[in-house]
N, C-alpha and C. Protein backbone atom coordinates (compact mmCIF):
# COMPACT_ATOMS: atom_id res chain seq x y z
N UNK A 1 73.70 62.00 -24.41
CA UNK A 1 73.86 63.65 -24.08
C UNK A 1 75.20 63.56 -23.32
N UNK A 2 76.51 64.08 -23.28
CA UNK A 2 77.66 63.93 -22.96
C UNK A 2 77.68 64.85 -21.53
N UNK A 3 78.49 65.00 -20.85
CA UNK A 3 78.14 66.00 -19.65
C UNK A 3 79.22 67.12 -20.27
N UNK A 4 78.37 68.63 -19.76
CA UNK A 4 79.42 69.17 -20.65
C UNK A 4 80.40 69.99 -19.67
N UNK A 5 81.38 70.89 -20.68
CA UNK A 5 82.45 71.36 -19.37
C UNK A 5 81.98 72.32 -18.94
N UNK A 6 80.90 72.72 -19.16
CA UNK A 6 80.13 74.24 -18.15
C UNK A 6 79.54 73.07 -16.97
N UNK A 7 79.04 72.23 -17.30
CA UNK A 7 79.11 71.26 -15.50
C UNK A 7 79.87 70.68 -14.99
N UNK A 8 81.10 70.41 -15.34
CA UNK A 8 81.64 69.81 -14.86
C UNK A 8 82.93 71.51 -13.98
N UNK A 9 82.87 72.37 -15.22
CA UNK A 9 83.14 73.43 -14.41
C UNK A 9 82.34 73.79 -13.27
N UNK A 10 81.17 73.79 -13.49
CA UNK A 10 79.94 74.41 -12.30
C UNK A 10 80.21 73.58 -11.06
N UNK A 11 80.77 72.04 -11.21
CA UNK A 11 81.01 71.31 -10.06
C UNK A 11 82.09 71.40 -9.44
N UNK A 12 83.26 71.85 -10.27
CA UNK A 12 84.60 72.46 -9.32
C UNK A 12 84.31 73.53 -8.94
N UNK A 13 83.66 74.50 -9.54
CA UNK A 13 83.40 75.91 -8.61
C UNK A 13 82.60 75.48 -7.65
N UNK A 14 81.69 74.84 -7.10
CA UNK A 14 80.91 74.40 -5.73
C UNK A 14 81.69 73.53 -5.30
N UNK A 15 82.54 72.57 -5.59
CA UNK A 15 83.99 71.79 -4.72
C UNK A 15 84.67 73.20 -3.93
N UNK A 16 85.01 74.03 -4.38
CA UNK A 16 86.01 75.23 -4.17
C UNK A 16 85.02 75.85 -3.09
N UNK A 17 83.65 76.59 -3.42
CA UNK A 17 83.04 77.35 -2.26
C UNK A 17 82.78 76.26 -1.52
N UNK A 18 82.83 74.89 -1.53
CA UNK A 18 82.40 74.36 -0.47
C UNK A 18 83.75 74.32 0.62
N UNK A 19 84.81 74.24 0.23
CA UNK A 19 86.04 74.32 0.54
C UNK A 19 86.23 75.50 1.56
N UNK A 20 85.99 76.71 0.68
CA UNK A 20 86.19 77.97 1.28
C UNK A 20 85.35 78.02 2.83
N UNK A 21 83.96 77.40 2.07
CA UNK A 21 82.77 77.22 3.42
C UNK A 21 83.54 76.60 4.47
N UNK A 22 84.20 75.27 4.72
CA UNK A 22 84.53 74.40 5.47
C UNK A 22 85.68 75.26 6.06
N UNK A 23 86.48 76.09 4.89
CA UNK A 23 87.96 76.65 5.96
C UNK A 23 87.49 77.62 6.97
N UNK A 24 86.40 78.69 6.59
CA UNK A 24 85.92 79.46 6.95
C UNK A 24 85.28 79.21 8.62
N UNK A 25 84.39 78.15 8.14
CA UNK A 25 83.76 77.36 9.41
C UNK A 25 84.72 77.20 10.34
N UNK A 26 86.16 76.29 9.58
CA UNK A 26 86.79 75.95 10.92
C UNK A 26 87.40 76.84 11.65
N UNK A 27 87.80 77.89 10.67
CA UNK A 27 88.44 79.54 11.67
C UNK A 27 87.54 79.82 12.54
N UNK A 28 86.10 79.59 12.67
CA UNK A 28 85.40 80.79 13.69
C UNK A 28 85.26 79.62 14.36
N UNK A 29 85.02 78.33 14.53
CA UNK A 29 85.38 77.01 15.62
C UNK A 29 86.56 77.06 15.97
N UNK A 30 87.39 77.65 15.68
CA UNK A 30 89.10 77.32 16.07
C UNK A 30 88.78 79.21 17.11
N UNK A 31 88.30 80.13 16.60
CA UNK A 31 87.89 80.93 17.16
C UNK A 31 87.03 81.25 18.44
N UNK A 32 86.09 80.30 18.23
CA UNK A 32 85.54 79.66 19.24
C UNK A 32 85.86 79.25 20.87
N UNK A 33 86.48 78.01 20.30
CA UNK A 33 87.33 77.76 21.20
C UNK A 33 88.44 78.22 21.93
N UNK A 34 89.18 79.46 21.28
CA UNK A 34 90.35 79.76 21.84
C UNK A 34 89.65 81.15 22.81
N UNK A 35 88.19 81.81 22.59
CA UNK A 35 87.83 82.12 23.27
C UNK A 35 87.33 81.54 24.93
N UNK A 36 86.90 80.32 24.96
CA UNK A 36 86.39 79.48 25.33
C UNK A 36 87.23 78.99 26.71
N UNK A 37 88.58 78.58 26.23
CA UNK A 37 89.47 78.45 26.72
C UNK A 37 90.41 79.83 27.45
N UNK A 38 90.04 80.98 26.60
CA UNK A 38 90.22 82.09 27.58
C UNK A 38 89.40 82.36 28.52
N UNK A 39 88.02 81.77 28.78
CA UNK A 39 86.71 81.84 29.60
C UNK A 39 87.48 81.34 30.80
N UNK A 40 87.83 79.77 30.37
CA UNK A 40 88.10 79.00 31.49
C UNK A 40 89.56 79.55 32.47
N UNK A 41 90.60 80.37 31.71
CA UNK A 41 91.68 81.01 31.74
C UNK A 41 91.22 81.78 33.07
N UNK A 42 89.99 82.92 32.59
CA UNK A 42 89.47 83.85 33.56
C UNK A 42 88.76 83.18 34.81
N UNK A 43 88.17 82.09 34.78
CA UNK A 43 87.76 81.28 35.93
C UNK A 43 88.88 80.74 36.83
N UNK A 44 89.96 80.38 36.17
CA UNK A 44 90.73 79.76 37.03
C UNK A 44 91.71 80.72 37.61
N UNK A 45 92.00 82.18 37.07
CA UNK A 45 92.77 83.25 37.65
C UNK A 45 91.68 84.01 38.55
N UNK A 46 89.95 83.71 38.80
CA UNK A 46 89.39 84.05 40.02
C UNK A 46 89.73 83.31 40.90
N UNK A 47 89.63 81.71 40.37
CA UNK A 47 89.74 80.90 41.82
C UNK A 47 91.09 81.19 42.47
N UNK A 48 92.15 81.41 41.64
CA UNK A 48 93.54 81.71 42.64
C UNK A 48 93.47 82.92 43.32
N UNK A 49 92.80 83.68 42.80
CA UNK A 49 92.73 84.98 43.27
C UNK A 49 92.16 84.59 44.57
N UNK A 50 91.07 83.62 44.73
CA UNK A 50 90.17 83.63 46.01
C UNK A 50 90.99 82.37 47.20
N UNK A 51 91.92 81.82 46.66
CA UNK A 51 92.60 80.77 46.90
C UNK A 51 94.01 81.70 47.90
N UNK A 52 94.13 83.23 46.80
CA UNK A 52 95.12 84.17 48.08
C UNK A 52 94.53 84.88 48.82
N UNK A 53 93.03 84.93 48.83
CA UNK A 53 92.46 85.60 49.63
C UNK A 53 92.40 84.68 50.88
N UNK A 54 92.10 83.36 50.87
CA UNK A 54 92.01 82.46 52.07
C UNK A 54 93.22 82.28 52.69
N UNK A 55 94.46 82.18 51.78
CA UNK A 55 95.56 82.29 52.70
C UNK A 55 96.34 83.44 53.38
N UNK A 56 95.80 84.64 52.72
CA UNK A 56 95.90 85.85 53.57
C UNK A 56 95.36 86.08 54.39
N UNK A 57 94.17 85.33 54.60
CA UNK A 57 93.32 85.06 55.57
C UNK A 57 94.17 84.58 56.85
N UNK A 58 94.56 83.19 56.77
CA UNK A 58 95.35 83.30 57.78
C UNK A 58 96.97 83.30 57.88
N UNK A 59 97.13 84.39 56.75
CA UNK A 59 98.72 85.00 57.42
C UNK A 59 98.83 86.18 57.98
N UNK A 60 97.27 86.62 57.16
CA UNK A 60 97.56 87.95 57.89
C UNK A 60 97.72 89.26 56.95
N UNK A 61 98.38 88.85 55.57
CA UNK A 61 99.39 89.74 54.67
C UNK A 61 98.24 90.51 54.23
N UNK A 62 98.18 92.03 54.45
CA UNK A 62 97.42 92.77 53.67
C UNK A 62 97.63 92.78 52.05
N UNK A 63 98.74 92.63 51.54
CA UNK A 63 98.98 92.89 50.29
C UNK A 63 98.46 91.56 49.11
N UNK A 64 98.44 90.51 50.17
CA UNK A 64 98.01 89.26 49.64
C UNK A 64 96.77 89.60 49.05
N UNK A 65 95.91 89.71 50.49
CA UNK A 65 94.39 89.72 50.45
C UNK A 65 94.16 91.07 48.88
N UNK A 66 94.80 91.79 49.02
CA UNK A 66 94.75 93.25 47.93
C UNK A 66 95.31 92.30 46.57
N UNK A 67 96.08 91.79 46.50
CA UNK A 67 96.56 91.23 45.10
C UNK A 67 95.36 90.09 45.05
N UNK A 68 94.47 89.27 45.74
CA UNK A 68 93.80 88.41 45.44
C UNK A 68 92.49 88.97 45.09
N UNK A 69 92.03 90.55 45.75
CA UNK A 69 90.75 91.04 45.03
C UNK A 69 90.77 91.46 43.94
N UNK A 70 92.30 91.97 43.42
CA UNK A 70 92.66 92.31 42.08
C UNK A 70 92.24 91.52 41.40
N UNK A 71 92.86 90.51 41.41
CA UNK A 71 92.86 89.28 40.47
C UNK A 71 91.44 88.71 40.32
N UNK A 72 90.37 88.54 41.39
CA UNK A 72 89.01 88.15 41.25
C UNK A 72 88.43 89.79 40.22
N UNK A 73 88.78 90.65 40.30
CA UNK A 73 87.97 91.74 39.67
C UNK A 73 88.56 92.12 38.10
N UNK A 74 89.61 91.34 38.05
CA UNK A 74 90.46 90.70 36.92
C UNK A 74 89.27 90.05 35.93
N UNK A 75 89.40 89.05 36.86
CA UNK A 75 88.92 87.75 36.14
C UNK A 75 87.38 88.15 35.94
N UNK A 76 86.56 88.64 36.83
CA UNK A 76 85.53 89.12 36.72
C UNK A 76 85.25 90.18 35.28
N UNK A 77 85.75 91.07 35.17
CA UNK A 77 86.04 91.85 34.31
C UNK A 77 85.86 91.30 32.66
N UNK A 78 87.08 90.41 33.00
CA UNK A 78 87.23 89.45 31.72
C UNK A 78 86.23 88.72 30.97
N UNK A 79 85.54 87.87 32.31
CA UNK A 79 84.38 87.14 31.96
C UNK A 79 83.44 87.93 31.42
N UNK A 80 82.88 89.01 32.29
CA UNK A 80 82.40 89.85 31.29
C UNK A 80 82.53 90.38 30.04
N UNK A 81 83.62 90.38 29.48
CA UNK A 81 83.90 91.01 28.21
C UNK A 81 83.94 89.33 27.15
N UNK A 82 84.08 88.17 27.92
CA UNK A 82 84.18 87.68 26.69
C UNK A 82 83.04 86.77 26.72
N UNK A 83 82.09 86.94 27.45
CA UNK A 83 80.98 86.31 27.22
C UNK A 83 79.69 86.58 26.16
N UNK A 84 79.95 87.96 25.84
CA UNK A 84 79.19 88.41 24.80
C UNK A 84 79.59 87.77 23.72
N UNK A 85 81.00 87.87 23.44
CA UNK A 85 81.34 87.59 22.28
C UNK A 85 81.61 86.06 22.06
N UNK A 86 81.73 85.75 22.93
CA UNK A 86 81.32 84.21 22.73
C UNK A 86 79.93 83.85 22.18
N UNK A 87 79.10 84.51 22.75
CA UNK A 87 77.82 84.16 22.22
C UNK A 87 77.49 84.83 21.03
N UNK A 88 78.41 86.04 20.71
CA UNK A 88 78.52 86.22 18.91
C UNK A 88 79.01 85.38 18.28
N UNK A 89 80.25 84.95 18.51
CA UNK A 89 80.95 83.76 17.64
C UNK A 89 80.02 82.40 17.35
N UNK A 90 79.47 81.81 18.89
CA UNK A 90 78.30 80.92 18.48
C UNK A 90 77.45 80.96 17.46
N UNK A 91 76.86 82.29 17.54
CA UNK A 91 75.57 82.37 16.46
C UNK A 91 76.65 82.80 14.58
N UNK A 92 78.06 83.12 15.07
CA UNK A 92 78.92 83.04 13.93
C UNK A 92 78.84 81.89 12.99
N UNK A 93 78.92 80.75 14.56
CA UNK A 93 79.78 79.47 14.04
C UNK A 93 78.43 78.81 13.68
N UNK A 94 77.08 78.87 13.73
CA UNK A 94 75.76 78.79 13.51
C UNK A 94 75.50 78.73 12.22
N UNK A 95 75.63 80.15 11.44
CA UNK A 95 75.57 80.49 10.09
C UNK A 95 76.59 79.72 9.39
N UNK A 96 77.71 80.10 10.05
CA UNK A 96 78.91 79.16 8.90
C UNK A 96 78.29 77.99 8.35
N UNK A 97 77.92 77.12 9.97
CA UNK A 97 77.92 75.76 9.91
C UNK A 97 76.63 75.22 8.36
N UNK A 98 75.62 76.71 8.89
CA UNK A 98 74.67 76.22 7.69
C UNK A 98 74.85 76.61 6.46
N UNK A 99 75.79 77.43 6.00
CA UNK A 99 76.18 78.00 4.46
C UNK A 99 77.43 76.72 4.45
N UNK A 100 77.90 76.23 5.41
CA UNK A 100 78.59 74.80 4.61
C UNK A 100 77.73 73.96 4.30
N UNK A 101 76.94 73.92 4.93
CA UNK A 101 75.65 72.62 4.55
C UNK A 101 75.32 72.70 3.42
N UNK A 102 74.51 74.24 2.94
CA UNK A 102 74.10 74.61 1.80
C UNK A 102 75.19 74.45 0.44
N UNK A 103 76.15 74.62 0.91
CA UNK A 103 77.67 74.52 -0.05
C UNK A 103 77.53 72.99 -0.74
N UNK A 104 77.49 72.04 0.68
CA UNK A 104 77.81 70.56 0.33
C UNK A 104 76.57 69.84 -0.19
N UNK A 105 75.33 70.81 0.03
CA UNK A 105 74.10 70.18 -0.83
C UNK A 105 74.31 70.71 -2.51
N UNK A 106 75.05 71.88 -2.55
CA UNK A 106 74.89 72.25 -3.99
C UNK A 106 75.85 71.39 -4.52
N UNK A 107 76.82 71.38 -3.77
CA UNK A 107 77.96 70.33 -4.67
C UNK A 107 77.35 68.90 -4.80
N UNK A 108 76.91 68.25 -4.21
CA UNK A 108 76.33 67.30 -4.11
C UNK A 108 75.25 67.10 -5.37
N UNK A 109 74.50 68.19 -5.49
CA UNK A 109 73.52 68.07 -6.91
C UNK A 109 73.71 68.29 -7.86
N UNK A 110 75.19 68.96 -7.85
CA UNK A 110 75.69 68.98 -9.10
C UNK A 110 76.61 67.38 -9.39
N UNK A 111 77.32 67.08 -8.56
CA UNK A 111 77.97 65.46 -8.82
C UNK A 111 76.69 64.59 -9.06
N UNK A 112 75.36 64.41 -8.42
CA UNK A 112 74.31 63.77 -8.92
C UNK A 112 73.84 63.96 -10.16
N UNK A 113 74.08 65.44 -10.69
CA UNK A 113 73.51 65.30 -12.21
C UNK A 113 74.53 64.95 -12.96
N UNK A 114 75.65 65.10 -12.79
CA UNK A 114 76.68 64.48 -13.94
C UNK A 114 76.65 62.90 -13.33
N UNK A 115 76.72 62.35 -12.62
CA UNK A 115 76.43 60.91 -12.65
C UNK A 115 75.37 60.60 -13.36
N UNK A 116 74.27 61.02 -12.92
CA UNK A 116 72.85 60.71 -13.56
C UNK A 116 73.34 60.67 -15.22
N UNK A 117 73.86 61.44 -15.44
CA UNK A 117 74.14 61.87 -16.92
C UNK A 117 75.05 61.17 -17.58
N UNK A 118 75.99 60.86 -16.94
CA UNK A 118 77.10 59.87 -17.30
C UNK A 118 76.45 58.59 -17.31
N UNK A 119 75.24 57.99 -16.33
CA UNK A 119 74.79 56.94 -16.28
C UNK A 119 73.89 56.85 -17.79
N UNK A 120 73.29 57.49 -17.91
CA UNK A 120 72.57 57.98 -19.14
C UNK A 120 72.93 57.59 -20.39
N UNK A 121 74.36 58.45 -20.29
CA UNK A 121 75.35 58.08 -21.56
C UNK A 121 75.64 56.74 -21.85
N UNK A 122 76.42 55.90 -20.57
CA UNK A 122 76.46 54.50 -20.65
C UNK A 122 75.04 53.76 -20.82
N UNK A 123 73.96 54.01 -20.42
CA UNK A 123 73.00 53.16 -20.74
C UNK A 123 72.58 53.48 -22.73
N UNK A 124 72.91 54.55 -23.20
CA UNK A 124 72.87 54.94 -24.43
C UNK A 124 73.92 54.16 -25.57
N UNK A 125 75.45 54.16 -24.63
CA UNK A 125 76.10 53.53 -25.21
C UNK A 125 76.16 52.06 -25.86
N UNK A 126 75.32 51.51 -24.20
CA UNK A 126 75.33 50.15 -24.25
C UNK A 126 74.23 49.93 -25.35
N UNK A 127 73.41 50.37 -25.09
CA UNK A 127 72.21 50.31 -26.42
C UNK A 127 72.70 50.17 -28.14
N UNK A 128 73.19 51.31 -28.30
CA UNK A 128 73.92 51.47 -29.77
C UNK A 128 74.96 49.87 -29.74
N UNK A 129 75.74 49.90 -28.98
CA UNK A 129 76.89 48.96 -28.72
C UNK A 129 75.54 47.74 -28.95
N UNK A 130 74.87 47.10 -28.29
CA UNK A 130 73.88 46.25 -28.36
C UNK A 130 73.22 46.19 -30.16
N UNK A 131 72.90 47.61 -30.36
CA UNK A 131 72.21 47.64 -31.71
C UNK A 131 73.09 47.14 -32.68
N UNK A 132 74.50 47.77 -32.85
CA UNK A 132 75.31 47.26 -33.52
C UNK A 132 75.66 46.01 -33.74
N UNK A 133 75.28 45.14 -32.49
CA UNK A 133 75.91 43.60 -32.48
C UNK A 133 74.57 42.96 -33.23
N UNK A 134 73.32 43.35 -32.96
CA UNK A 134 72.14 42.82 -33.78
C UNK A 134 72.20 42.79 -34.77
N UNK A 135 72.67 44.28 -35.75
CA UNK A 135 72.89 44.36 -37.06
C UNK A 135 73.64 43.48 -37.58
N UNK A 136 75.04 43.49 -37.07
CA UNK A 136 75.98 42.71 -37.52
C UNK A 136 75.32 41.55 -37.70
N UNK A 137 74.72 40.76 -36.50
CA UNK A 137 74.24 39.15 -36.36
C UNK A 137 73.32 39.07 -37.79
N UNK A 138 72.32 40.26 -37.24
CA UNK A 138 71.34 40.32 -38.60
C UNK A 138 72.11 39.90 -40.40
N UNK A 139 72.76 41.22 -40.33
CA UNK A 139 73.37 40.91 -41.71
C UNK A 139 74.40 39.79 -42.07
N UNK A 140 75.05 38.99 -41.30
CA UNK A 140 75.67 37.81 -41.59
C UNK A 140 74.67 36.19 -41.36
N UNK A 141 73.50 36.88 -41.11
CA UNK A 141 72.67 35.83 -41.47
C UNK A 141 72.03 35.89 -42.54
N UNK A 142 71.78 37.22 -42.86
CA UNK A 142 71.23 37.57 -44.36
C UNK A 142 72.51 37.15 -45.52
N UNK A 143 73.71 37.44 -45.23
CA UNK A 143 74.55 37.11 -46.28
C UNK A 143 74.93 35.61 -46.22
N UNK A 144 75.03 34.74 -45.07
CA UNK A 144 74.96 33.24 -45.14
C UNK A 144 74.12 32.96 -45.93
N UNK A 145 72.72 33.70 -45.84
CA UNK A 145 71.62 32.70 -46.58
C UNK A 145 71.81 33.10 -48.02
N UNK A 146 72.19 34.21 -48.05
CA UNK A 146 72.53 34.51 -49.83
C UNK A 146 73.24 33.67 -50.37
N UNK A 147 74.77 33.52 -49.69
CA UNK A 147 75.78 32.97 -50.45
C UNK A 147 75.30 31.35 -50.33
N UNK A 148 74.82 30.71 -49.02
CA UNK A 148 73.92 29.22 -49.71
C UNK A 148 73.10 29.33 -50.88
N UNK A 149 71.77 30.09 -50.97
CA UNK A 149 71.45 29.96 -52.25
C UNK A 149 71.90 30.46 -53.49
N UNK A 150 73.13 31.25 -53.41
CA UNK A 150 73.81 31.11 -55.14
C UNK A 150 75.05 30.18 -54.92
N UNK A 151 75.18 29.34 -53.78
CA UNK A 151 76.08 28.08 -53.50
C UNK A 151 75.25 27.00 -54.62
N UNK A 152 73.75 27.10 -53.74
CA UNK A 152 73.03 25.96 -54.26
C UNK A 152 72.73 26.16 -55.65
N UNK A 153 73.07 27.55 -56.26
CA UNK A 153 71.91 27.43 -58.07
C UNK A 153 73.25 27.32 -58.68
N UNK A 154 74.41 27.37 -58.04
CA UNK A 154 75.73 27.24 -58.95
C UNK A 154 76.00 25.87 -59.40
N UNK A 155 75.49 24.89 -58.40
CA UNK A 155 75.92 23.67 -57.90
C UNK A 155 74.84 23.08 -59.25
N UNK A 156 75.73 21.65 -60.34
CA UNK A 156 74.73 21.46 -61.36
C UNK A 156 73.68 20.20 -60.56
N UNK A 157 72.63 20.06 -60.89
CA UNK A 157 71.39 19.48 -60.47
C UNK A 157 70.61 19.88 -59.23
N UNK A 158 70.85 21.13 -59.08
CA UNK A 158 70.62 21.66 -58.05
C UNK A 158 68.75 21.99 -58.44
N UNK A 159 68.15 22.68 -57.34
CA UNK A 159 66.60 22.68 -57.86
C UNK A 159 66.64 24.13 -58.62
N UNK A 160 67.40 24.71 -59.01
CA UNK A 160 67.19 25.93 -59.56
C UNK A 160 67.24 25.67 -61.12
N UNK A 161 68.28 24.85 -61.49
CA UNK A 161 68.78 24.04 -62.94
C UNK A 161 67.88 23.13 -62.92
N UNK A 162 67.01 22.83 -62.25
CA UNK A 162 65.85 21.31 -62.70
C UNK A 162 64.51 22.00 -62.66
N UNK A 163 63.93 21.67 -63.31
CA UNK A 163 62.61 22.34 -63.73
C UNK A 163 61.69 21.62 -62.78
N UNK A 164 60.41 22.41 -62.32
CA UNK A 164 60.01 22.37 -60.92
C UNK A 164 59.28 20.61 -60.91
N UNK A 165 58.99 20.26 -62.48
CA UNK A 165 58.13 19.06 -62.26
C UNK A 165 59.15 17.99 -62.21
N UNK A 166 60.13 17.53 -62.99
CA UNK A 166 61.58 16.69 -62.19
C UNK A 166 61.72 16.69 -61.17
N UNK A 167 61.94 17.87 -60.27
CA UNK A 167 62.36 17.63 -58.89
C UNK A 167 61.97 16.36 -57.98
N UNK A 168 60.59 16.38 -58.04
CA UNK A 168 59.98 15.09 -57.20
C UNK A 168 60.62 14.20 -57.86
N UNK A 169 60.80 13.72 -59.18
CA UNK A 169 61.21 12.56 -59.32
C UNK A 169 62.72 12.27 -58.89
N UNK A 170 63.02 13.18 -59.03
CA UNK A 170 64.69 13.05 -58.48
C UNK A 170 64.72 12.86 -57.22
N UNK A 171 64.04 13.18 -56.71
CA UNK A 171 64.48 12.97 -54.72
C UNK A 171 63.45 11.66 -54.61
N UNK A 172 62.61 11.06 -55.48
CA UNK A 172 62.23 9.57 -55.32
C UNK A 172 63.33 8.72 -55.59
N UNK A 173 64.45 8.84 -56.56
CA UNK A 173 65.25 8.01 -56.89
C UNK A 173 66.25 7.67 -56.02
N UNK A 174 66.50 9.13 -55.44
CA UNK A 174 67.77 8.99 -54.00
C UNK A 174 66.87 7.79 -53.17
């Protein structure tokens, strides 16, 4: 049973689906990484605001203190907005990863089916080849035996041309 064209087409479709799923997963992971970098930047902005407030306490500059407070407030708002989005994207990444693994399993199943079919075909071809060699050898033996008998019967004084009773006597003389 040869691997059908439809089965090979199914494998190709599975490969394409896996590739699309992998690309979607990579895109979602990149988005998650971007959001996490933005969260780190917001934490750094909060830290810079705190440093500005500390510096203004020593220098007594009110605008620096207000700017520091505003930086901290902006960082807090940004963090508050980013955290739920990060959690949503983490859930998306988990779902995409599961979908990707599912597509990979489907592709591997199709590959396994094709490989099993090809292995079975190879075994059958080997059997047919061996059967052909066996038949050839068997026919050759029969042909050789038949040719030997015909050659024997065509020779003068062979067993088939001498009567059966005379055969033992001719052997005794030799």
